[in-house]
Amino acid sequence: MELSKSHEPMSAQQLFEKLESCDLSTVFRTLTQFKDKGIVGEVNLNEGFLRYELTVDVNHQAHEDHHHHYVICRKCKKISQIQGCDISIFENAIAKLGFTSMEHRLEFSGLCSKCSKESKL
């Protein structure tokens, strides 16, 4: 699967362009089915479309380090992964309010080191 080869989340359009034998609607349908089964997760980087990443390995085992976030360069659109996510303070506060089955999304953007250097020239 193309998603397993990628080091960053991919859009449906990117997946479609890598595949030769299906149409875009099939890609969307398959991604929806994979999402419903917990095989892929959606990543929203506020680009006007969703990206997708695998949440399981090739043996369908959940990735132990799956939960992470991304930062996207506002200029060149480079995407970098941020490992880990320690939001236990928020989770504890929310749990005290009686909420369960919590989810969160945290988005970052900035200038990558290359674009930052270029903007100073």
PDB file of N, CA and C in Angstrom:
ATOM      1  N   MET A   1       0.837  -1.176   0.000  1.00  0.00           N
ATOM      2  CA  MET A   1       0.000   0.000   0.000  1.00  0.00           C
ATOM      3  C   MET A   1       0.884   1.243   0.000  1.00  0.00           C
ATOM      4  N   GLU A   2       0.507   2.217  -0.766  1.00  0.00           N
ATOM      5  CA  GLU A   2       1.305   3.444  -0.903  1.00  0.00           C
ATOM      6  C   GLU A   2       1.472   4.181   0.425  1.00  0.00           C
ATOM      7  N   LEU A   3       0.460   4.140   1.271  1.00  0.00           N
ATOM      8  CA  LEU A   3       0.564   4.833   2.555  1.00  0.00           C
ATOM      9  C   LEU A   3       1.681   4.270   3.426  1.00  0.00           C
ATOM     10  N   SER A   4       1.941   2.983   3.310  1.00  0.00           N
ATOM     11  CA  SER A   4       2.999   2.374   4.131  1.00  0.00           C
ATOM     12  C   SER A   4       4.393   2.795   3.673  1.00  0.00           C
ATOM     13  N   LYS A   5       4.511   3.272   2.456  1.00  0.00           N
ATOM     14  CA  LYS A   5       5.801   3.714   1.918  1.00  0.00           C
ATOM     15  C   LYS A   5       6.084   5.184   2.211  1.00  0.00           C
ATOM     16  N   SER A   6       5.044   5.922   2.576  1.00  0.00           N
ATOM     17  CA  SER A   6       5.170   7.364   2.733  1.00  0.00           C
ATOM     18  C   SER A   6       5.622   7.739   4.135  1.00  0.00           C
ATOM     19  N   HIS A   7       6.432   8.789   4.227  1.00  0.00           N
ATOM     20  CA  HIS A   7       6.896   9.292   5.514  1.00  0.00           C
ATOM     21  C   HIS A   7       6.047  10.452   6.013  1.00  0.00           C
ATOM     22  N   GLU A   8       5.023  10.796   5.252  1.00  0.00           N
ATOM     23  CA  GLU A   8       4.102  11.834   5.673  1.00  0.00           C
ATOM     24  C   GLU A   8       2.705  11.437   5.219  1.00  0.00           C
ATOM     25  N   PRO A   9       1.672  11.992   5.837  1.00  0.00           N
ATOM     26  CA  PRO A   9       0.316  11.639   5.418  1.00  0.00           C
ATOM     27  C   PRO A   9       0.067  12.085   3.981  1.00  0.00           C
ATOM     28  N   MET A  10      -0.753  11.313   3.273  1.00  0.00           N
ATOM     29  CA  MET A  10      -1.011  11.584   1.862  1.00  0.00           C
ATOM     30  C   MET A  10      -2.477  11.930   1.639  1.00  0.00           C
ATOM     31  N   SER A  11      -2.719  12.779   0.657  1.00  0.00           N
ATOM     32  CA  SER A  11      -4.093  13.109   0.273  1.00  0.00           C
ATOM     33  C   SER A  11      -4.629  12.017  -0.648  1.00  0.00           C
ATOM     34  N   ALA A  12      -5.936  11.995  -0.813  1.00  0.00           N
ATOM     35  CA  ALA A  12      -6.550  11.059  -1.748  1.00  0.00           C
ATOM     36  C   ALA A  12      -6.025  11.307  -3.159  1.00  0.00           C
ATOM     37  N   GLN A  13      -5.833  12.567  -3.514  1.00  0.00           N
ATOM     38  CA  GLN A  13      -5.308  12.911  -4.829  1.00  0.00           C
ATOM     39  C   GLN A  13      -3.901  12.359  -5.022  1.00  0.00           C
ATOM     40  N   GLN A  14      -3.054  12.484  -4.011  1.00  0.00           N
ATOM     41  CA  GLN A  14      -1.694  11.945  -4.106  1.00  0.00           C
ATOM     42  C   GLN A  14      -1.721  10.430  -4.278  1.00  0.00           C
ATOM     43  N   LEU A  15      -2.593   9.760  -3.529  1.00  0.00           N
ATOM     44  CA  LEU A  15      -2.719   8.305  -3.663  1.00  0.00           C
ATOM     45  C   LEU A  15      -3.201   7.934  -5.061  1.00  0.00           C
ATOM     46  N   PHE A  16      -4.190   8.643  -5.541  1.00  0.00           N
ATOM     47  CA  PHE A  16      -4.728   8.401  -6.871  1.00  0.00           C
ATOM     48  C   PHE A  16      -3.639   8.516  -7.936  1.00  0.00           C
ATOM     49  N   GLU A  17      -2.787   9.535  -7.822  1.00  0.00           N
ATOM     50  CA  GLU A  17      -1.723   9.751  -8.795  1.00  0.00           C
ATOM     51  C   GLU A  17      -0.675   8.642  -8.767  1.00  0.00           C
ATOM     52  N   LYS A  18      -0.528   7.954  -7.649  1.00  0.00           N
ATOM     53  CA  LYS A  18       0.444   6.855  -7.551  1.00  0.00           C
ATOM     54  C   LYS A  18      -0.125   5.531  -8.043  1.00  0.00           C
ATOM     55  N   LEU A  19      -1.436   5.426  -8.065  1.00  0.00           N
ATOM     56  CA  LEU A  19      -2.088   4.178  -8.473  1.00  0.00           C
ATOM     57  C   LEU A  19      -2.457   4.250  -9.947  1.00  0.00           C
ATOM     58  N   GLU A  20      -2.318   3.135 -10.628  1.00  0.00           N
ATOM     59  CA  GLU A  20      -2.578   3.131 -12.067  1.00  0.00           C
ATOM     60  C   GLU A  20      -3.915   2.519 -12.440  1.00  0.00           C
ATOM     61  N   SER A  21      -4.480   1.725 -11.558  1.00  0.00           N
ATOM     62  CA  SER A  21      -5.621   0.920 -11.993  1.00  0.00           C
ATOM     63  C   SER A  21      -6.934   1.246 -11.283  1.00  0.00           C
ATOM     64  N   CYS A  22      -7.101   2.469 -10.778  1.00  0.00           N
ATOM     65  CA  CYS A  22      -8.398   2.803 -10.184  1.00  0.00           C
ATOM     66  C   CYS A  22      -8.675   4.290 -10.355  1.00  0.00           C
ATOM     67  N   ASP A  23      -9.930   4.635 -10.122  1.00  0.00           N
ATOM     68  CA  ASP A  23     -10.301   6.043 -10.265  1.00  0.00           C
ATOM     69  C   ASP A  23     -10.349   6.712  -8.895  1.00  0.00           C
ATOM     70  N   LEU A  24     -10.496   8.018  -8.908  1.00  0.00           N
ATOM     71  CA  LEU A  24     -10.447   8.798  -7.670  1.00  0.00           C
ATOM     72  C   LEU A  24     -11.582   8.420  -6.723  1.00  0.00           C
ATOM     73  N   SER A  25     -12.753   8.133  -7.254  1.00  0.00           N
ATOM     74  CA  SER A  25     -13.874   7.762  -6.379  1.00  0.00           C
ATOM     75  C   SER A  25     -13.593   6.450  -5.645  1.00  0.00           C
ATOM     76  N   THR A  26     -12.890   5.532  -6.295  1.00  0.00           N
ATOM     77  CA  THR A  26     -12.509   4.275  -5.648  1.00  0.00           C
ATOM     78  C   THR A  26     -11.523   4.539  -4.512  1.00  0.00           C
ATOM     79  N   VAL A  27     -10.597   5.458  -4.727  1.00  0.00           N
ATOM     80  CA  VAL A  27      -9.639   5.822  -3.680  1.00  0.00           C
ATOM     81  C   VAL A  27     -10.386   6.374  -2.470  1.00  0.00           C
ATOM     82  N   PHE A  28     -11.319   7.306  -2.695  1.00  0.00           N
ATOM     83  CA  PHE A  28     -12.097   7.882  -1.598  1.00  0.00           C
ATOM     84  C   PHE A  28     -12.924   6.814  -0.880  1.00  0.00           C
ATOM     85  N   ARG A  29     -13.569   5.941  -1.638  1.00  0.00           N
ATOM     86  CA  ARG A  29     -14.388   4.875  -1.048  1.00  0.00           C
ATOM     87  C   ARG A  29     -13.535   3.956  -0.183  1.00  0.00           C
ATOM     88  N   THR A  30     -12.372   3.583  -0.698  1.00  0.00           N
ATOM     89  CA  THR A  30     -11.479   2.690   0.033  1.00  0.00           C
ATOM     90  C   THR A  30     -10.948   3.357   1.295  1.00  0.00           C
ATOM     91  N   LEU A  31     -10.567   4.626   1.192  1.00  0.00           N
ATOM     92  CA  LEU A  31     -10.083   5.352   2.368  1.00  0.00           C
ATOM     93  C   LEU A  31     -11.172   5.441   3.439  1.00  0.00           C
ATOM     94  N   THR A  32     -12.410   5.670   3.021  1.00  0.00           N
ATOM     95  CA  THR A  32     -13.532   5.727   3.967  1.00  0.00           C
ATOM     96  C   THR A  32     -13.708   4.391   4.674  1.00  0.00           C
ATOM     97  N   GLN A  33     -13.639   3.302   3.916  1.00  0.00           N
ATOM     98  CA  GLN A  33     -13.767   1.969   4.510  1.00  0.00           C
ATOM     99  C   GLN A  33     -12.604   1.683   5.464  1.00  0.00           C
ATOM    100  N   PHE A  34     -11.383   2.039   5.051  1.00  0.00           N
ATOM    101  CA  PHE A  34     -10.218   1.835   5.919  1.00  0.00           C
ATOM    102  C   PHE A  34     -10.322   2.674   7.190  1.00  0.00           C
ATOM    103  N   LYS A  35     -10.828   3.897   7.060  1.00  0.00           N
ATOM    104  CA  LYS A  35     -11.007   4.763   8.233  1.00  0.00           C
ATOM    105  C   LYS A  35     -12.023   4.149   9.187  1.00  0.00           C
ATOM    106  N   ASP A  36     -13.142   3.666   8.645  1.00  0.00           N
ATOM    107  CA  ASP A  36     -14.187   3.047   9.468  1.00  0.00           C
ATOM    108  C   ASP A  36     -13.678   1.808  10.204  1.00  0.00           C
ATOM    109  N   LYS A  37     -12.713   1.115   9.615  1.00  0.00           N
ATOM    110  CA  LYS A  37     -12.144  -0.089  10.238  1.00  0.00           C
ATOM    111  C   LYS A  37     -10.934   0.218  11.122  1.00  0.00           C
ATOM    112  N   GLY A  38     -10.542   1.496  11.186  1.00  0.00           N
ATOM    113  CA  GLY A  38      -9.420   1.882  12.025  1.00  0.00           C
ATOM    114  C   GLY A  38      -8.054   1.589  11.423  1.00  0.00           C
ATOM    115  N   ILE A  39      -8.001   1.362  10.118  1.00  0.00           N
ATOM    116  CA  ILE A  39      -6.736   1.053   9.437  1.00  0.00           C
ATOM    117  C   ILE A  39      -5.991   2.331   9.084  1.00  0.00           C
ATOM    118  N   VAL A  40      -6.733   3.383   8.739  1.00  0.00           N
ATOM    119  CA  VAL A  40      -6.129   4.682   8.449  1.00  0.00           C
ATOM    120  C   VAL A  40      -6.778   5.743   9.324  1.00  0.00           C
ATOM    121  N   GLY A  41      -6.054   6.821   9.518  1.00  0.00           N
ATOM    122  CA  GLY A  41      -6.575   7.966  10.235  1.00  0.00           C
ATOM    123  C   GLY A  41      -6.498   9.196   9.355  1.00  0.00           C
ATOM    124  N   GLU A  42      -7.367  10.140   9.635  1.00  0.00           N
ATOM    125  CA  GLU A  42      -7.372  11.397   8.892  1.00  0.00           C
ATOM    126  C   GLU A  42      -6.448  12.399   9.571  1.00  0.00           C
ATOM    127  N   VAL A  43      -5.772  13.186   8.747  1.00  0.00           N
ATOM    128  CA  VAL A  43      -4.921  14.271   9.231  1.00  0.00           C
ATOM    129  C   VAL A  43      -5.389  15.542   8.548  1.00  0.00           C
ATOM    130  N   ASN A  44      -5.774  16.527   9.349  1.00  0.00           N
ATOM    131  CA  ASN A  44      -6.245  17.798   8.806  1.00  0.00           C
ATOM    132  C   ASN A  44      -5.192  18.857   9.094  1.00  0.00           C
ATOM    133  N   LEU A  45      -4.529  19.338   8.056  1.00  0.00           N
ATOM    134  CA  LEU A  45      -3.502  20.376   8.188  1.00  0.00           C
ATOM    135  C   LEU A  45      -4.012  21.723   7.680  1.00  0.00           C
ATOM    136  N   ASN A  46      -5.334  21.877   7.666  1.00  0.00           N
ATOM    137  CA  ASN A  46      -5.973  23.125   7.215  1.00  0.00           C
ATOM    138  C   ASN A  46      -5.532  23.538   5.815  1.00  0.00           C
ATOM    139  N   GLU A  47      -5.492  22.562   4.920  1.00  0.00           N
ATOM    140  CA  GLU A  47      -5.115  22.821   3.530  1.00  0.00           C
ATOM    141  C   GLU A  47      -6.340  22.827   2.618  1.00  0.00           C
ATOM    142  N   GLY A  48      -7.509  22.574   3.163  1.00  0.00           N
ATOM    143  CA  GLY A  48      -8.715  22.482   2.358  1.00  0.00           C
ATOM    144  C   GLY A  48      -9.031  21.058   1.933  1.00  0.00           C
ATOM    145  N   PHE A  49      -8.228  20.098   2.365  1.00  0.00           N
ATOM    146  CA  PHE A  49      -8.460  18.684   2.084  1.00  0.00           C
ATOM    147  C   PHE A  49      -7.843  17.881   3.223  1.00  0.00           C
ATOM    148  N   LEU A  50      -8.250  16.616   3.328  1.00  0.00           N
ATOM    149  CA  LEU A  50      -7.705  15.740   4.352  1.00  0.00           C
ATOM    150  C   LEU A  50      -6.556  14.926   3.798  1.00  0.00           C
ATOM    151  N   ARG A  51      -5.668  14.564   4.671  1.00  0.00           N
ATOM    152  CA  ARG A  51      -4.608  13.614   4.362  1.00  0.00           C
ATOM    153  C   ARG A  51      -4.876  12.357   5.183  1.00  0.00           C
ATOM    154  N   TYR A  52      -4.219  11.266   4.816  1.00  0.00           N
ATOM    155  CA  TYR A  52      -4.446   9.992   5.482  1.00  0.00           C
ATOM    156  C   TYR A  52      -3.114   9.347   5.820  1.00  0.00           C
ATOM    157  N   GLU A  53      -3.105   8.602   6.938  1.00  0.00           N
ATOM    158  CA  GLU A  53      -1.929   7.852   7.347  1.00  0.00           C
ATOM    159  C   GLU A  53      -2.378   6.520   7.930  1.00  0.00           C
ATOM    160  N   LEU A  54      -1.497   5.540   7.835  1.00  0.00           N
ATOM    161  CA  LEU A  54      -1.798   4.236   8.413  1.00  0.00           C
ATOM    162  C   LEU A  54      -1.780   4.316   9.929  1.00  0.00           C
ATOM    163  N   THR A  55      -2.710   3.612  10.556  1.00  0.00           N
ATOM    164  CA  THR A  55      -2.726   3.530  12.011  1.00  0.00           C
ATOM    165  C   THR A  55      -2.368   2.126  12.479  1.00  0.00           C
ATOM    166  N   VAL A  56      -2.147   1.222  11.530  1.00  0.00           N
ATOM    167  CA  VAL A  56      -1.743  -0.154  11.837  1.00  0.00           C
ATOM    168  C   VAL A  56      -0.550  -0.505  10.953  1.00  0.00           C
ATOM    169  N   ASP A  57       0.201  -1.533  11.359  1.00  0.00           N
ATOM    170  CA  ASP A  57       1.309  -1.978  10.523  1.00  0.00           C
ATOM    171  C   ASP A  57       0.809  -3.025   9.533  1.00  0.00           C
ATOM    172  N   VAL A  58       1.714  -3.613   8.778  1.00  0.00           N
ATOM    173  CA  VAL A  58       1.320  -4.564   7.735  1.00  0.00           C
ATOM    174  C   VAL A  58       0.643  -5.806   8.293  1.00  0.00           C
ATOM    175  N   ASN A  59       0.854  -6.111   9.575  1.00  0.00           N
ATOM    176  CA  ASN A  59       0.208  -7.264  10.208  1.00  0.00           C
ATOM    177  C   ASN A  59      -1.083  -6.866  10.914  1.00  0.00           C
ATOM    178  N   HIS A  60      -1.563  -5.657  10.642  1.00  0.00           N
ATOM    179  CA  HIS A  60      -2.793  -5.109  11.219  1.00  0.00           C
ATOM    180  C   HIS A  60      -2.710  -4.944  12.732  1.00  0.00           C
ATOM    181  N   GLN A  61      -1.502  -4.738  13.236  1.00  0.00           N
ATOM    182  CA  GLN A  61      -1.308  -4.431  14.645  1.00  0.00           C
ATOM    183  C   GLN A  61      -1.254  -2.916  14.790  1.00  0.00           C
ATOM    184  N   ALA A  62      -1.880  -2.401  15.833  1.00  0.00           N
ATOM    185  CA  ALA A  62      -1.885  -0.954  16.043  1.00  0.00           C
ATOM    186  C   ALA A  62      -0.459  -0.470  16.251  1.00  0.00           C
ATOM    187  N   HIS A  63      -0.135   0.664  15.626  1.00  0.00           N
ATOM    188  CA  HIS A  63       1.169   1.279  15.835  1.00  0.00           C
ATOM    189  C   HIS A  63       1.259   1.759  17.274  1.00  0.00           C
ATOM    190  N   GLU A  64       2.297   1.337  17.987  1.00  0.00           N
ATOM    191  CA  GLU A  64       2.455   1.797  19.369  1.00  0.00           C
ATOM    192  C   GLU A  64       2.720   3.290  19.424  1.00  0.00           C
ATOM    193  N   ASP A  65       3.428   3.815  18.452  1.00  0.00           N
ATOM    194  CA  ASP A  65       3.768   5.240  18.441  1.00  0.00           C
ATOM    195  C   ASP A  65       2.865   6.027  17.495  1.00  0.00           C
ATOM    196  N   HIS A  66       1.660   5.508  17.278  1.00  0.00           N
ATOM    197  CA  HIS A  66       0.809   6.137  16.269  1.00  0.00           C
ATOM    198  C   HIS A  66       0.425   7.578  16.623  1.00  0.00           C
ATOM    199  N   HIS A  67       0.110   7.830  17.865  1.00  0.00           N
ATOM    200  CA  HIS A  67      -0.395   9.162  18.184  1.00  0.00           C
ATOM    201  C   HIS A  67       0.729  10.196  18.125  1.00  0.00           C
ATOM    202  N   HIS A  68       0.596  11.099  17.190  1.00  0.00           N
ATOM    203  CA  HIS A  68       1.578  12.151  16.987  1.00  0.00           C
ATOM    204  C   HIS A  68       0.887  13.297  16.255  1.00  0.00           C
ATOM    205  N   HIS A  69       1.617  14.339  16.047  1.00  0.00           N
ATOM    206  CA  HIS A  69       1.084  15.505  15.353  1.00  0.00           C
ATOM    207  C   HIS A  69       2.055  15.919  14.263  1.00  0.00           C
ATOM    208  N   TYR A  70       1.623  16.905  13.469  1.00  0.00           N
ATOM    209  CA  TYR A  70       2.443  17.392  12.370  1.00  0.00           C
ATOM    210  C   TYR A  70       2.561  18.901  12.438  1.00  0.00           C
ATOM    211  N   VAL A  71       3.637  19.403  11.852  1.00  0.00           N
ATOM    212  CA  VAL A  71       3.798  20.832  11.637  1.00  0.00           C
ATOM    213  C   VAL A  71       4.033  21.007  10.141  1.00  0.00           C
ATOM    214  N   ILE A  72       3.377  22.020   9.569  1.00  0.00           N
ATOM    215  CA  ILE A  72       3.494  22.264   8.135  1.00  0.00           C
ATOM    216  C   ILE A  72       4.084  23.651   7.921  1.00  0.00           C
ATOM    217  N   CYS A  73       5.016  23.742   6.980  1.00  0.00           N
ATOM    218  CA  CYS A  73       5.622  25.028   6.648  1.00  0.00           C
ATOM    219  C   CYS A  73       4.605  25.849   5.851  1.00  0.00           C
ATOM    220  N   ARG A  74       4.372  27.059   6.304  1.00  0.00           N
ATOM    221  CA  ARG A  74       3.396  27.924   5.629  1.00  0.00           C
ATOM    222  C   ARG A  74       3.869  28.354   4.244  1.00  0.00           C
ATOM    223  N   LYS A  75       5.171  28.280   3.977  1.00  0.00           N
ATOM    224  CA  LYS A  75       5.692  28.736   2.687  1.00  0.00           C
ATOM    225  C   LYS A  75       5.846  27.577   1.694  1.00  0.00           C
ATOM    226  N   CYS A  76       6.662  26.576   2.029  1.00  0.00           N
ATOM    227  CA  CYS A  76       6.958  25.495   1.071  1.00  0.00           C
ATOM    228  C   CYS A  76       6.061  24.263   1.241  1.00  0.00           C
ATOM    229  N   LYS A  77       5.259  24.245   2.314  1.00  0.00           N
ATOM    230  CA  LYS A  77       4.311  23.158   2.599  1.00  0.00           C
ATOM    231  C   LYS A  77       4.991  21.864   3.041  1.00  0.00           C
ATOM    232  N   LYS A  78       6.272  21.930   3.436  1.00  0.00           N
ATOM    233  CA  LYS A  78       6.950  20.759   3.976  1.00  0.00           C
ATOM    234  C   LYS A  78       6.221  20.321   5.240  1.00  0.00           C
ATOM    235  N   ILE A  79       6.020  19.012   5.393  1.00  0.00           N
ATOM    236  CA  ILE A  79       5.329  18.457   6.554  1.00  0.00           C
ATOM    237  C   ILE A  79       6.336  17.672   7.381  1.00  0.00           C
ATOM    238  N   SER A  80       6.386  17.949   8.677  1.00  0.00           N
ATOM    239  CA  SER A  80       7.269  17.230   9.594  1.00  0.00           C
ATOM    240  C   SER A  80       6.436  16.657  10.727  1.00  0.00           C
ATOM    241  N   GLN A  81       6.804  15.470  11.159  1.00  0.00           N
ATOM    242  CA  GLN A  81       6.088  14.794  12.228  1.00  0.00           C
ATOM    243  C   GLN A  81       6.682  15.163  13.584  1.00  0.00           C
ATOM    244  N   ILE A  82       5.816  15.374  14.558  1.00  0.00           N
ATOM    245  CA  ILE A  82       6.227  15.631  15.932  1.00  0.00           C
ATOM    246  C   ILE A  82       5.886  14.383  16.731  1.00  0.00           C
ATOM    247  N   GLN A  83       6.883  13.734  17.297  1.00  0.00           N
ATOM    248  CA  GLN A  83       6.644  12.516  18.065  1.00  0.00           C
ATOM    249  C   GLN A  83       6.100  12.841  19.444  1.00  0.00           C
ATOM    250  N   GLY A  84       5.220  11.994  19.903  1.00  0.00           N
ATOM    251  CA  GLY A  84       4.689  12.116  21.253  1.00  0.00           C
ATOM    252  C   GLY A  84       3.639  13.194  21.377  1.00  0.00           C
ATOM    253  N   CYS A  85       2.921  13.110  22.463  1.00  0.00           N
ATOM    254  CA  CYS A  85       1.868  14.083  22.714  1.00  0.00           C
ATOM    255  C   CYS A  85       1.500  13.986  24.186  1.00  0.00           C
ATOM    256  N   ASP A  86       2.060  14.842  24.991  1.00  0.00           N
ATOM    257  CA  ASP A  86       1.768  14.806  26.416  1.00  0.00           C
ATOM    258  C   ASP A  86       0.748  15.882  26.757  1.00  0.00           C
ATOM    259  N   ILE A  87      -0.499  15.501  26.708  1.00  0.00           N
ATOM    260  CA  ILE A  87      -1.564  16.432  27.064  1.00  0.00           C
ATOM    261  C   ILE A  87      -2.301  15.921  28.296  1.00  0.00           C
ATOM    262  N   SER A  88      -1.610  15.196  29.150  1.00  0.00           N
ATOM    263  CA  SER A  88      -2.252  14.571  30.308  1.00  0.00           C
ATOM    264  C   SER A  88      -2.941  15.586  31.210  1.00  0.00           C
ATOM    265  N   ILE A  89      -2.418  16.794  31.321  1.00  0.00           N
ATOM    266  CA  ILE A  89      -3.064  17.820  32.144  1.00  0.00           C
ATOM    267  C   ILE A  89      -4.470  18.102  31.617  1.00  0.00           C
ATOM    268  N   PHE A  90      -4.591  18.246  30.300  1.00  0.00           N
ATOM    269  CA  PHE A  90      -5.903  18.504  29.702  1.00  0.00           C
ATOM    270  C   PHE A  90      -6.812  17.281  29.835  1.00  0.00           C
ATOM    271  N   GLU A  91      -6.260  16.084  29.573  1.00  0.00           N
ATOM    272  CA  GLU A  91      -7.061  14.873  29.663  1.00  0.00           C
ATOM    273  C   GLU A  91      -7.616  14.679  31.069  1.00  0.00           C
ATOM    274  N   ASN A  92      -6.804  14.937  32.078  1.00  0.00           N
ATOM    275  CA  ASN A  92      -7.263  14.796  33.465  1.00  0.00           C
ATOM    276  C   ASN A  92      -8.364  15.810  33.779  1.00  0.00           C
ATOM    277  N   ALA A  93      -8.179  17.046  33.342  1.00  0.00           N
ATOM    278  CA  ALA A  93      -9.184  18.077  33.586  1.00  0.00           C
ATOM    279  C   ALA A  93     -10.500  17.735  32.881  1.00  0.00           C
ATOM    280  N   ILE A  94     -10.421  17.236  31.668  1.00  0.00           N
ATOM    281  CA  ILE A  94     -11.615  16.883  30.907  1.00  0.00           C
ATOM    282  C   ILE A  94     -12.298  15.678  31.538  1.00  0.00           C
ATOM    283  N   ALA A  95     -11.519  14.700  31.984  1.00  0.00           N
ATOM    284  CA  ALA A  95     -12.090  13.523  32.648  1.00  0.00           C
ATOM    285  C   ALA A  95     -12.828  13.924  33.922  1.00  0.00           C
ATOM    286  N   LYS A  96     -12.307  14.904  34.657  1.00  0.00           N
ATOM    287  CA  LYS A  96     -12.979  15.383  35.870  1.00  0.00           C
ATOM    288  C   LYS A  96     -14.333  16.013  35.551  1.00  0.00           C
ATOM    289  N   LEU A  97     -14.484  16.486  34.321  1.00  0.00           N
ATOM    290  CA  LEU A  97     -15.764  17.035  33.888  1.00  0.00           C
ATOM    291  C   LEU A  97     -16.747  15.937  33.478  1.00  0.00           C
ATOM    292  N   GLY A  98     -16.276  14.691  33.477  1.00  0.00           N
ATOM    293  CA  GLY A  98     -17.138  13.557  33.163  1.00  0.00           C
ATOM    294  C   GLY A  98     -17.089  13.084  31.732  1.00  0.00           C
ATOM    295  N   PHE A  99     -16.196  13.628  30.943  1.00  0.00           N
ATOM    296  CA  PHE A  99     -16.098  13.201  29.546  1.00  0.00           C
ATOM    297  C   PHE A  99     -15.286  11.913  29.433  1.00  0.00           C
ATOM    298  N   THR A 100     -15.672  11.065  28.489  1.00  0.00           N
ATOM    299  CA  THR A 100     -14.942   9.829  28.207  1.00  0.00           C
ATOM    300  C   THR A 100     -14.726   9.732  26.702  1.00  0.00           C
ATOM    301  N   SER A 101     -13.977   8.740  26.283  1.00  0.00           N
ATOM    302  CA  SER A 101     -13.704   8.494  24.857  1.00  0.00           C
ATOM    303  C   SER A 101     -13.235   9.765  24.164  1.00  0.00           C
ATOM    304  N   MET A 102     -12.278  10.434  24.768  1.00  0.00           N
ATOM    305  CA  MET A 102     -11.807  11.721  24.256  1.00  0.00           C
ATOM    306  C   MET A 102     -10.951  11.573  23.009  1.00  0.00           C
ATOM    307  N   GLU A 103     -11.025  12.577  22.182  1.00  0.00           N
ATOM    308  CA  GLU A 103     -10.159  12.727  21.019  1.00  0.00           C
ATOM    309  C   GLU A 103      -9.678  14.164  21.004  1.00  0.00           C
ATOM    310  N   HIS A 104      -8.585  14.400  20.310  1.00  0.00           N
ATOM    311  CA  HIS A 104      -8.160  15.778  20.123  1.00  0.00           C
ATOM    312  C   HIS A 104      -7.404  15.907  18.819  1.00  0.00           C
ATOM    313  N   ARG A 105      -7.329  17.147  18.346  1.00  0.00           N
ATOM    314  CA  ARG A 105      -6.555  17.487  17.161  1.00  0.00           C
ATOM    315  C   ARG A 105      -5.747  18.728  17.504  1.00  0.00           C
ATOM    316  N   LEU A 106      -4.505  18.679  17.192  1.00  0.00           N
ATOM    317  CA  LEU A 106      -3.616  19.781  17.490  1.00  0.00           C
ATOM    318  C   LEU A 106      -2.825  20.071  16.229  1.00  0.00           C
ATOM    319  N   GLU A 107      -2.893  21.301  15.746  1.00  0.00           N
ATOM    320  CA  GLU A 107      -2.263  21.649  14.477  1.00  0.00           C
ATOM    321  C   GLU A 107      -1.225  22.737  14.689  1.00  0.00           C
ATOM    322  N   PHE A 108      -0.116  22.596  13.995  1.00  0.00           N
ATOM    323  CA  PHE A 108       0.958  23.581  14.066  1.00  0.00           C
ATOM    324  C   PHE A 108       1.344  24.004  12.659  1.00  0.00           C
ATOM    325  N   SER A 109       1.726  25.269  12.521  1.00  0.00           N
ATOM    326  CA  SER A 109       2.302  25.728  11.265  1.00  0.00           C
ATOM    327  C   SER A 109       3.377  26.750  11.606  1.00  0.00           C
ATOM    328  N   GLY A 110       4.295  26.928  10.693  1.00  0.00           N
ATOM    329  CA  GLY A 110       5.387  27.877  10.881  1.00  0.00           C
ATOM    330  C   GLY A 110       6.235  27.902   9.630  1.00  0.00           C
ATOM    331  N   LEU A 111       7.427  28.417   9.763  1.00  0.00           N
ATOM    332  CA  LEU A 111       8.384  28.392   8.658  1.00  0.00           C
ATOM    333  C   LEU A 111       9.452  27.368   8.972  1.00  0.00           C
ATOM    334  N   CYS A 112       9.727  26.465   8.025  1.00  0.00           N
ATOM    335  CA  CYS A 112      10.778  25.476   8.216  1.00  0.00           C
ATOM    336  C   CYS A 112      12.134  26.201   8.240  1.00  0.00           C
ATOM    337  N   SER A 113      13.186  25.501   8.628  1.00  0.00           N
ATOM    338  CA  SER A 113      14.478  26.149   8.745  1.00  0.00           C
ATOM    339  C   SER A 113      14.965  26.740   7.414  1.00  0.00           C
ATOM    340  N   LYS A 114      14.709  26.036   6.310  1.00  0.00           N
ATOM    341  CA  LYS A 114      15.120  26.527   5.002  1.00  0.00           C
ATOM    342  C   LYS A 114      14.387  27.828   4.635  1.00  0.00           C
ATOM    343  N   CYS A 115      13.074  27.806   4.784  1.00  0.00           N
ATOM    344  CA  CYS A 115      12.277  29.000   4.434  1.00  0.00           C
ATOM    345  C   CYS A 115      12.558  30.137   5.399  1.00  0.00           C
ATOM    346  N   SER A 116      12.838  29.826   6.643  1.00  0.00           N
ATOM    347  CA  SER A 116      13.164  30.845   7.625  1.00  0.00           C
ATOM    348  C   SER A 116      14.447  31.550   7.264  1.00  0.00           C
ATOM    349  N   LYS A 117      15.451  30.792   6.825  1.00  0.00           N
ATOM    350  CA  LYS A 117      16.727  31.373   6.407  1.00  0.00           C
ATOM    351  C   LYS A 117      16.543  32.242   5.166  1.00  0.00           C
ATOM    352  N   GLU A 118      15.732  31.747   4.207  1.00  0.00           N
ATOM    353  CA  GLU A 118      15.492  32.487   2.968  1.00  0.00           C
ATOM    354  C   GLU A 118      14.795  33.813   3.224  1.00  0.00           C
ATOM    355  N   SER A 119      13.901  33.838   4.223  1.00  0.00           N
ATOM    356  CA  SER A 119      13.146  35.069   4.486  1.00  0.00           C
ATOM    357  C   SER A 119      14.030  36.126   5.160  1.00  0.00           C
ATOM    358  N   LYS A 120      15.156  35.706   5.740  1.00  0.00           N
ATOM    359  CA  LYS A 120      16.071  36.657   6.395  1.00  0.00           C
ATOM    360  C   LYS A 120      17.057  37.264   5.402  1.00  0.00           C
ATOM    361  N   LEU A 121      17.147  36.684   4.207  1.00  0.00           N
ATOM    362  CA  LEU A 121      18.096  37.199   3.216  1.00  0.00           C
ATOM    363  C   LEU A 121      17.612  38.450   2.546  1.00  0.00           C
TER     364      LEU A 121
END
